[in-house]
Amino acid sequence: MLGRVTFRQLFHKFFVWILSKINGKKFKSGQAKLPEVTDKEVSAMTTRTESHIGALLQKEAVEGATMESGEPMKPILLIDLDHTLIHSTNNLQDHPMSDSIFTIPGRMVKIRPYCQEFLETMSKLYEMHVTTLSSRTYALTIVEHLDPEGRFFSGRVISRDEFGSRKKKHVYFTRLFPESLPFAAILDNRSDVWDEMENVVQLSSYRYFRKQGQADEDQSLKHMARVLTEVHDTFQSHFQATGEHLDMRDVIGAYRRKVLEGVKVVVSAEAPWVTKGASIYAKKIACEVLRRFGAEVQDTMDQDTSVIVELWDRKRRVPGTPVVWSSWLDAVSSDWEIPDYGKHLLSY
């Protein structure tokens, strides 16, 4: 748990460092140790950041006033673009057009269902930032369509140009803004680019064009709005009660583990046509997901087993115990709630 003063320090160290590099002067920041970066990194980052310094300094002043008033702060929400809010393709062949499809040079873009409502809702609860491993030019073009009035993101876009990587996002934040992560929720279809951090709310990947329009039925952002609203309420209510902010990594981690709390699961990963190596690997991944969502994974079935998750054999039958297809586990991961057995059920 971190004290309230941390919020005021969140951007303070960063500004001292940036202003020092821009003005060629030394600034003191108490006893805080400023990030160590190369001159090349400083040059690249100051160029991209100078236009935002005024706005962020104003934000720091507002945060300071808010903290002094004793009111809870808006937590941060870092939101991915591709496969999270949109899906794009460079295949410009004819596709059914709709209000949620637009084109940019060389690409066609589909906005994920419920995106506008999601952003409207989250903007009241969080300070939102776009984080993407795509180029800055591409990201700004997409954001211009999603947020033409700048009400949601206000130019807060961090791209691979800033990350300095096409593969990882967490390094940038843990190196330059280590104190910001406890106050940030992260929405992304990939948790690996964040090094599997606890405050990542991972949702299913949105692929519209590959599914030829079937993804219009996608409901993921509705589920994520529910999850992130509850996370926000927990974060803020704790502050109201104690005067201190919880660590978002603890809040989101606890929320995730409650999804399958009390559920005892056996994973079946053997079939005659499956190699031993493939079976072991598939079972390992499934068990990791189940444990992250709070399930108790059993090696063998007993009278207390809640459900059997079958990874290979759709003909699996176990009298008296529900057997579900692996799609049930996918639904747990994408919806962050226990799905009805329904269409996933193989036998009971």
Protein backbone atom coordinates (compact mmCIF):
# COMPACT_ATOMS: atom_id res chain seq x y z
CA MET A 1 0.00 0.00 0.00
CA LEU A 2 1.35 3.42 -0.87
CA GLY A 3 0.75 6.74 0.84
CA ARG A 4 -1.02 9.68 -0.73
CA VAL A 5 2.18 11.62 -1.27
CA THR A 6 3.15 9.15 -4.00
CA PHE A 7 0.53 10.59 -6.31
CA ARG A 8 2.13 14.01 -6.14
CA GLN A 9 5.51 12.46 -6.85
CA LEU A 10 4.18 10.56 -9.86
CA PHE A 11 5.08 13.10 -12.51
CA HIS A 12 7.24 15.38 -10.39
CA LYS A 13 10.42 13.38 -10.79
CA PHE A 14 9.79 13.11 -14.51
CA PHE A 15 9.42 16.88 -14.97
CA VAL A 16 12.54 17.65 -12.99
CA TRP A 17 14.48 15.27 -15.22
CA ILE A 18 13.00 16.56 -18.49
CA LEU A 19 13.44 20.24 -17.57
CA SER A 20 17.01 19.57 -16.56
CA LYS A 21 17.75 18.07 -19.97
CA ILE A 22 15.90 20.76 -21.89
CA ASN A 23 17.42 23.73 -20.06
CA GLY A 24 20.82 22.27 -19.32
CA LYS A 25 20.43 23.03 -15.62
CA LYS A 26 20.44 20.94 -12.50
CA PHE A 27 17.20 20.66 -10.57
CA LYS A 28 16.79 19.10 -7.16
CA SER A 29 14.06 16.59 -6.41
CA GLY A 30 14.48 15.96 -2.70
CA GLN A 31 16.20 12.67 -2.17
CA ALA A 32 14.47 11.01 -5.15
CA LYS A 33 16.75 9.26 -7.59
CA LEU A 34 16.05 10.32 -11.15
CA PRO A 35 15.88 7.73 -13.96
CA GLU A 36 19.16 6.91 -15.65
CA VAL A 37 18.87 7.12 -19.43
CA THR A 38 21.22 7.59 -22.33
CA ASP A 39 21.63 10.93 -24.15
CA LYS A 40 20.04 9.33 -27.20
CA GLU A 41 16.97 8.36 -25.20
CA VAL A 42 16.74 11.81 -23.66
CA SER A 43 16.94 13.51 -27.04
CA ALA A 44 14.23 11.32 -28.52
CA MET A 45 11.96 11.57 -25.54
CA THR A 46 12.26 15.32 -24.92
CA THR A 47 11.35 15.99 -28.55
CA ARG A 48 8.19 13.94 -28.22
CA THR A 49 7.32 15.18 -24.75
CA GLU A 50 7.85 18.96 -24.86
CA SER A 51 4.40 19.57 -26.33
CA HIS A 52 2.81 17.75 -23.39
CA ILE A 53 4.79 19.31 -20.55
CA GLY A 54 2.42 22.25 -20.09
CA ALA A 55 -0.61 20.02 -19.89
CA LEU A 56 1.06 17.57 -17.54
CA LEU A 57 2.35 20.33 -15.28
CA GLN A 58 -1.19 21.62 -15.05
CA LYS A 59 -2.28 18.06 -14.19
CA GLU A 60 0.36 17.94 -11.43
CA ALA A 61 -1.01 21.16 -9.95
CA VAL A 62 -4.54 19.81 -10.06
CA GLU A 63 -3.42 16.54 -8.46
CA GLY A 64 -1.68 18.44 -5.68
CA ALA A 65 -4.79 20.50 -4.98
CA THR A 66 -6.94 17.39 -5.08
CA MET A 67 -4.72 15.55 -2.65
CA GLU A 68 -4.80 18.51 -0.25
CA SER A 69 -8.59 18.55 -0.42
CA GLY A 70 -8.67 14.92 0.65
CA GLU A 71 -10.61 13.76 -2.38
CA PRO A 72 -9.72 10.50 -4.17
CA MET A 73 -7.77 10.74 -7.40
CA LYS A 74 -8.80 9.32 -10.73
CA PRO A 75 -6.68 6.23 -11.30
CA ILE A 76 -4.93 5.76 -14.66
CA LEU A 77 -6.16 3.44 -17.41
CA LEU A 78 -3.65 2.45 -20.10
CA ILE A 79 -5.51 1.18 -23.17
CA ASP A 80 -4.12 -0.74 -26.13
CA LEU A 81 -5.43 -0.09 -29.66
CA ASP A 82 -5.05 -2.99 -32.09
CA HIS A 83 -7.17 -6.04 -31.26
CA THR A 84 -8.39 -4.20 -28.14
CA LEU A 85 -10.40 -1.22 -29.40
CA ILE A 86 -10.07 -1.82 -33.14
CA HIS A 87 -9.03 -4.28 -35.83
CA SER A 88 -7.38 -3.09 -39.02
CA THR A 89 -6.32 -4.75 -42.26
CA ASN A 90 -4.28 -3.79 -45.30
CA ASN A 91 -6.59 -5.92 -47.43
CA LEU A 92 -8.72 -3.22 -49.03
CA GLN A 93 -11.01 -5.60 -50.87
CA ASP A 94 -14.71 -5.00 -50.61
CA HIS A 95 -16.09 -5.37 -47.09
CA PRO A 96 -19.61 -4.60 -45.88
CA MET A 97 -19.42 -0.95 -44.83
CA SER A 98 -20.98 0.41 -41.66
CA ASP A 99 -20.69 3.38 -39.30
CA SER A 100 -18.02 1.50 -37.36
CA ILE A 101 -15.70 0.99 -40.36
CA PHE A 102 -13.42 3.71 -41.72
CA THR A 103 -10.36 3.87 -43.91
CA ILE A 104 -6.96 5.47 -43.45
CA PRO A 105 -4.16 5.48 -46.02
CA GLY A 106 -3.45 1.86 -46.88
CA ARG A 107 -5.72 0.33 -44.23
CA MET A 108 -9.33 -0.38 -43.37
CA VAL A 109 -10.30 -0.14 -39.70
CA LYS A 110 -13.22 -1.65 -37.76
CA ILE A 111 -14.13 -0.23 -34.35
CA ARG A 112 -14.94 -2.88 -31.76
CA PRO A 113 -18.59 -3.09 -30.69
CA TYR A 114 -19.47 -0.99 -27.63
CA CYS A 115 -16.22 1.00 -27.98
CA GLN A 116 -17.81 4.45 -27.80
CA GLU A 117 -19.93 3.56 -24.79
CA PHE A 118 -16.91 1.99 -23.13
CA LEU A 119 -14.78 5.12 -23.58
CA GLU A 120 -17.60 7.36 -22.37
CA THR A 121 -18.00 5.31 -19.20
CA MET A 122 -14.30 4.91 -18.48
CA SER A 123 -13.53 8.60 -19.05
CA LYS A 124 -15.64 9.41 -15.99
CA LEU A 125 -13.69 6.98 -13.84
CA TYR A 126 -10.10 7.00 -15.14
CA GLU A 127 -7.53 9.22 -16.77
CA MET A 128 -7.07 7.29 -20.02
CA HIS A 129 -3.88 6.92 -22.07
CA VAL A 130 -3.39 5.01 -25.32
CA THR A 131 -0.44 2.62 -25.33
CA THR A 132 0.39 0.84 -28.57
CA LEU A 133 3.28 -0.93 -30.25
CA SER A 134 2.19 0.61 -33.55
CA SER A 135 3.79 3.76 -34.94
CA ARG A 136 2.88 7.16 -33.51
CA THR A 137 1.51 8.40 -36.84
CA TYR A 138 -0.80 5.39 -37.09
CA ALA A 139 -1.88 5.68 -33.44
CA LEU A 140 -2.71 9.37 -33.68
CA THR A 141 -4.73 8.77 -36.85
CA ILE A 142 -6.78 6.04 -35.14
CA VAL A 143 -7.28 8.13 -31.99
CA GLU A 144 -8.49 11.04 -34.13
CA HIS A 145 -11.36 8.82 -35.30
CA LEU A 146 -12.11 7.37 -31.87
CA ASP A 147 -11.81 10.66 -30.01
CA PRO A 148 -12.21 13.54 -32.50
CA GLU A 149 -12.93 16.10 -29.77
CA GLY A 150 -10.12 14.96 -27.51
CA ARG A 151 -12.50 14.28 -24.64
CA PHE A 152 -11.16 10.84 -23.78
CA PHE A 153 -7.40 10.89 -24.32
CA SER A 154 -6.49 14.58 -24.74
CA GLY A 155 -3.43 13.65 -26.80
CA ARG A 156 -2.17 11.11 -24.26
CA VAL A 157 -0.74 8.59 -26.72
CA ILE A 158 2.34 6.44 -26.13
CA SER A 159 3.48 4.51 -29.20
CA ARG A 160 6.38 2.25 -30.13
CA ASP A 161 8.28 5.45 -30.98
CA GLU A 162 8.32 6.21 -27.25
CA PHE A 163 8.52 2.61 -26.07
CA GLY A 164 11.56 2.08 -28.26
CA SER A 165 10.34 -1.47 -28.84
CA ARG A 166 8.01 -3.44 -31.08
CA LYS A 167 7.61 -6.22 -28.52
CA LYS A 168 7.45 -4.88 -24.95
CA LYS A 169 5.64 -2.12 -23.09
CA HIS A 170 6.42 -2.75 -19.45
CA VAL A 171 10.11 -1.80 -19.72
CA TYR A 172 9.26 1.82 -20.56
CA PHE A 173 7.02 2.29 -17.54
CA THR A 174 9.02 0.31 -15.01
CA ARG A 175 12.15 2.24 -15.97
CA LEU A 176 10.84 5.79 -16.29
CA PHE A 177 7.64 5.79 -14.23
CA PRO A 178 7.99 3.03 -11.65
CA GLU A 179 5.75 4.86 -9.19
CA SER A 180 2.91 5.24 -11.69
CA LEU A 181 2.21 1.52 -12.08
CA PRO A 182 0.56 1.03 -8.67
CA PHE A 183 -2.11 3.54 -9.76
CA ALA A 184 -2.65 2.15 -13.27
CA ALA A 185 -5.06 -0.39 -14.65
CA ILE A 186 -4.02 -1.78 -18.04
CA LEU A 187 -6.43 -2.99 -20.73
CA ASP A 188 -4.74 -5.07 -23.42
CA ASN A 189 -5.40 -8.20 -25.44
CA ARG A 190 -1.83 -9.30 -24.63
CA SER A 191 -0.43 -9.64 -21.15
CA ASP A 192 3.00 -10.84 -22.31
CA VAL A 193 4.00 -7.36 -23.53
CA TRP A 194 3.45 -6.22 -19.94
CA ASP A 195 5.47 -9.10 -18.51
CA GLU A 196 2.28 -10.67 -17.06
CA MET A 197 1.87 -7.87 -14.52
CA GLU A 198 -1.02 -8.23 -12.08
CA ASN A 199 -2.69 -4.96 -13.09
CA VAL A 200 -3.26 -6.11 -16.68
CA VAL A 201 -6.93 -6.69 -17.48
CA GLN A 202 -6.59 -8.95 -20.49
CA LEU A 203 -9.49 -9.30 -22.90
CA SER A 204 -9.99 -11.45 -25.98
CA SER A 205 -8.38 -10.31 -29.22
CA TYR A 206 -10.77 -8.58 -31.61
CA ARG A 207 -10.50 -9.87 -35.19
CA TYR A 208 -13.27 -8.60 -37.42
CA PHE A 209 -11.95 -9.00 -40.95
CA ARG A 210 -10.61 -12.53 -40.49
CA LYS A 211 -14.00 -13.61 -39.20
CA GLN A 212 -15.82 -11.87 -42.06
CA GLY A 213 -18.01 -9.76 -39.86
CA GLN A 214 -18.97 -12.37 -37.28
CA ALA A 215 -17.12 -10.38 -34.62
CA ASP A 216 -19.96 -7.84 -34.71
CA GLU A 217 -21.41 -9.97 -31.92
CA ASP A 218 -18.36 -9.36 -29.72
CA GLN A 219 -19.31 -8.29 -26.18
CA SER A 220 -15.85 -8.03 -24.61
CA LEU A 221 -15.87 -4.30 -23.97
CA LYS A 222 -19.16 -4.62 -22.11
CA HIS A 223 -17.58 -7.16 -19.81
CA MET A 224 -14.46 -5.03 -19.41
CA ALA A 225 -16.57 -1.98 -18.50
CA ARG A 226 -18.10 -4.03 -15.69
CA VAL A 227 -14.71 -5.25 -14.47
CA LEU A 228 -13.00 -1.86 -14.60
CA THR A 229 -15.94 -0.10 -12.96
CA GLU A 230 -15.81 -2.53 -10.03
CA VAL A 231 -12.04 -2.17 -9.83
CA HIS A 232 -12.41 1.62 -9.76
CA ASP A 233 -15.08 1.47 -7.06
CA THR A 234 -12.89 -0.75 -4.86
CA PHE A 235 -9.92 1.59 -5.37
CA GLN A 236 -11.92 4.71 -4.50
CA SER A 237 -13.97 3.29 -1.64
CA HIS A 238 -10.78 2.17 0.12
CA PHE A 239 -9.46 5.72 -0.11
CA GLN A 240 -12.70 7.10 1.29
CA ALA A 241 -12.45 4.73 4.23
CA THR A 242 -8.72 4.98 4.99
CA GLY A 243 -7.32 8.05 3.23
CA GLU A 244 -4.83 5.84 1.38
CA HIS A 245 -4.76 4.41 -2.13
CA LEU A 246 -4.59 0.70 -2.79
CA ASP A 247 -2.08 -0.69 -5.25
CA MET A 248 -3.94 -1.45 -8.50
CA ARG A 249 -1.89 -4.62 -8.88
CA ASP A 250 -3.44 -5.88 -5.65
CA VAL A 251 -6.95 -4.74 -6.55
CA ILE A 252 -6.97 -6.32 -10.01
CA GLY A 253 -5.15 -9.44 -8.87
CA ALA A 254 -7.71 -10.01 -6.10
CA TYR A 255 -10.61 -9.38 -8.48
CA ARG A 256 -9.23 -11.90 -10.96
CA ARG A 257 -8.75 -14.58 -8.32
CA LYS A 258 -12.34 -14.24 -7.10
CA VAL A 259 -13.73 -15.21 -10.53
CA LEU A 260 -13.17 -18.96 -9.94
CA GLU A 261 -12.78 -18.87 -6.18
CA GLY A 262 -14.02 -22.12 -4.67
CA VAL A 263 -14.16 -23.90 -8.05
CA LYS A 264 -12.26 -27.19 -8.17
CA VAL A 265 -11.15 -28.16 -11.67
CA VAL A 266 -9.54 -31.16 -13.30
CA VAL A 267 -7.88 -30.54 -16.68
CA SER A 268 -8.03 -33.44 -19.12
CA ALA A 269 -5.36 -33.17 -21.79
CA GLU A 270 -4.83 -36.71 -23.04
CA ALA A 271 -6.03 -38.31 -26.26
CA PRO A 272 -4.65 -41.11 -28.49
CA TRP A 273 -3.78 -38.70 -31.30
CA VAL A 274 -1.98 -36.16 -29.08
CA THR A 275 1.74 -36.40 -28.35
CA LYS A 276 2.89 -36.44 -24.76
CA GLY A 277 4.75 -33.15 -25.21
CA ALA A 278 1.70 -31.39 -26.64
CA SER A 279 -0.47 -32.77 -23.86
CA ILE A 280 1.87 -31.60 -21.11
CA TYR A 281 2.23 -28.12 -22.63
CA ALA A 282 -1.50 -27.61 -23.20
CA LYS A 283 -2.33 -28.74 -19.68
CA LYS A 284 0.35 -26.47 -18.20
CA ILE A 285 -1.09 -23.40 -19.94
CA ALA A 286 -4.67 -24.26 -18.98
CA CYS A 287 -3.70 -24.81 -15.34
CA GLU A 288 -1.86 -21.48 -15.22
CA VAL A 289 -4.96 -19.64 -16.48
CA LEU A 290 -7.22 -21.43 -14.03
CA ARG A 291 -4.96 -20.62 -11.07
CA ARG A 292 -4.71 -16.97 -12.10
CA PHE A 293 -8.49 -16.79 -11.92
CA GLY A 294 -8.52 -18.40 -8.49
CA ALA A 295 -9.51 -22.00 -9.25
CA GLU A 296 -8.16 -24.96 -7.33
CA VAL A 297 -6.61 -27.29 -9.90
CA GLN A 298 -6.81 -30.98 -8.98
CA ASP A 299 -4.58 -33.73 -10.32
CA THR A 300 -7.36 -36.30 -10.11
CA MET A 301 -11.11 -36.14 -9.84
CA ASP A 302 -12.87 -36.69 -6.53
CA GLN A 303 -16.33 -36.13 -5.09
CA ASP A 304 -15.61 -32.40 -4.64
CA THR A 305 -14.61 -31.77 -8.26
CA SER A 306 -16.70 -28.94 -9.71
CA VAL A 307 -15.94 -29.36 -13.40
CA ILE A 308 -13.62 -31.15 -15.83
CA VAL A 309 -12.10 -29.05 -18.63
CA GLU A 310 -11.40 -31.17 -21.71
CA LEU A 311 -8.72 -29.89 -24.09
CA TRP A 312 -8.72 -32.54 -26.84
CA ASP A 313 -11.42 -35.20 -26.78
CA ARG A 314 -14.95 -33.93 -27.43
CA LYS A 315 -16.29 -37.44 -26.69
CA ARG A 316 -15.12 -37.37 -23.07
CA ARG A 317 -17.87 -38.54 -20.69
CA VAL A 318 -17.76 -38.67 -16.89
CA PRO A 319 -21.10 -39.58 -15.26
CA GLY A 320 -22.16 -37.20 -12.50
CA THR A 321 -19.54 -34.50 -13.18
CA PRO A 322 -19.89 -31.75 -15.79
CA VAL A 323 -17.31 -31.98 -18.58
CA VAL A 324 -16.82 -28.79 -20.58
CA TRP A 325 -14.89 -28.03 -23.74
CA SER A 326 -11.86 -25.73 -23.60
CA SER A 327 -14.06 -22.89 -24.91
CA TRP A 328 -15.40 -22.61 -21.34
CA LEU A 329 -11.92 -21.63 -20.19
CA ASP A 330 -11.67 -19.12 -23.04
CA ALA A 331 -14.94 -17.57 -21.85
CA VAL A 332 -13.59 -17.26 -18.30
CA SER A 333 -10.54 -15.42 -19.63
CA SER A 334 -12.47 -13.08 -21.93
CA ASP A 335 -15.46 -12.29 -19.69
CA TRP A 336 -13.89 -12.41 -16.21
CA GLU A 337 -16.85 -14.32 -14.80
CA ILE A 338 -17.97 -17.94 -14.52
CA PRO A 339 -19.78 -18.76 -17.77
CA ASP A 340 -22.80 -21.03 -17.90
CA TYR A 341 -21.87 -24.50 -19.02
CA GLY A 342 -24.43 -24.20 -21.84
CA LYS A 343 -22.80 -24.48 -25.24
CA HIS A 344 -19.52 -25.58 -23.65
CA LEU A 345 -20.98 -28.71 -22.05
CA LEU A 346 -19.86 -32.09 -23.39
CA SER A 347 -21.54 -34.25 -20.77
CA TYR A 348 -23.03 -34.24 -17.30
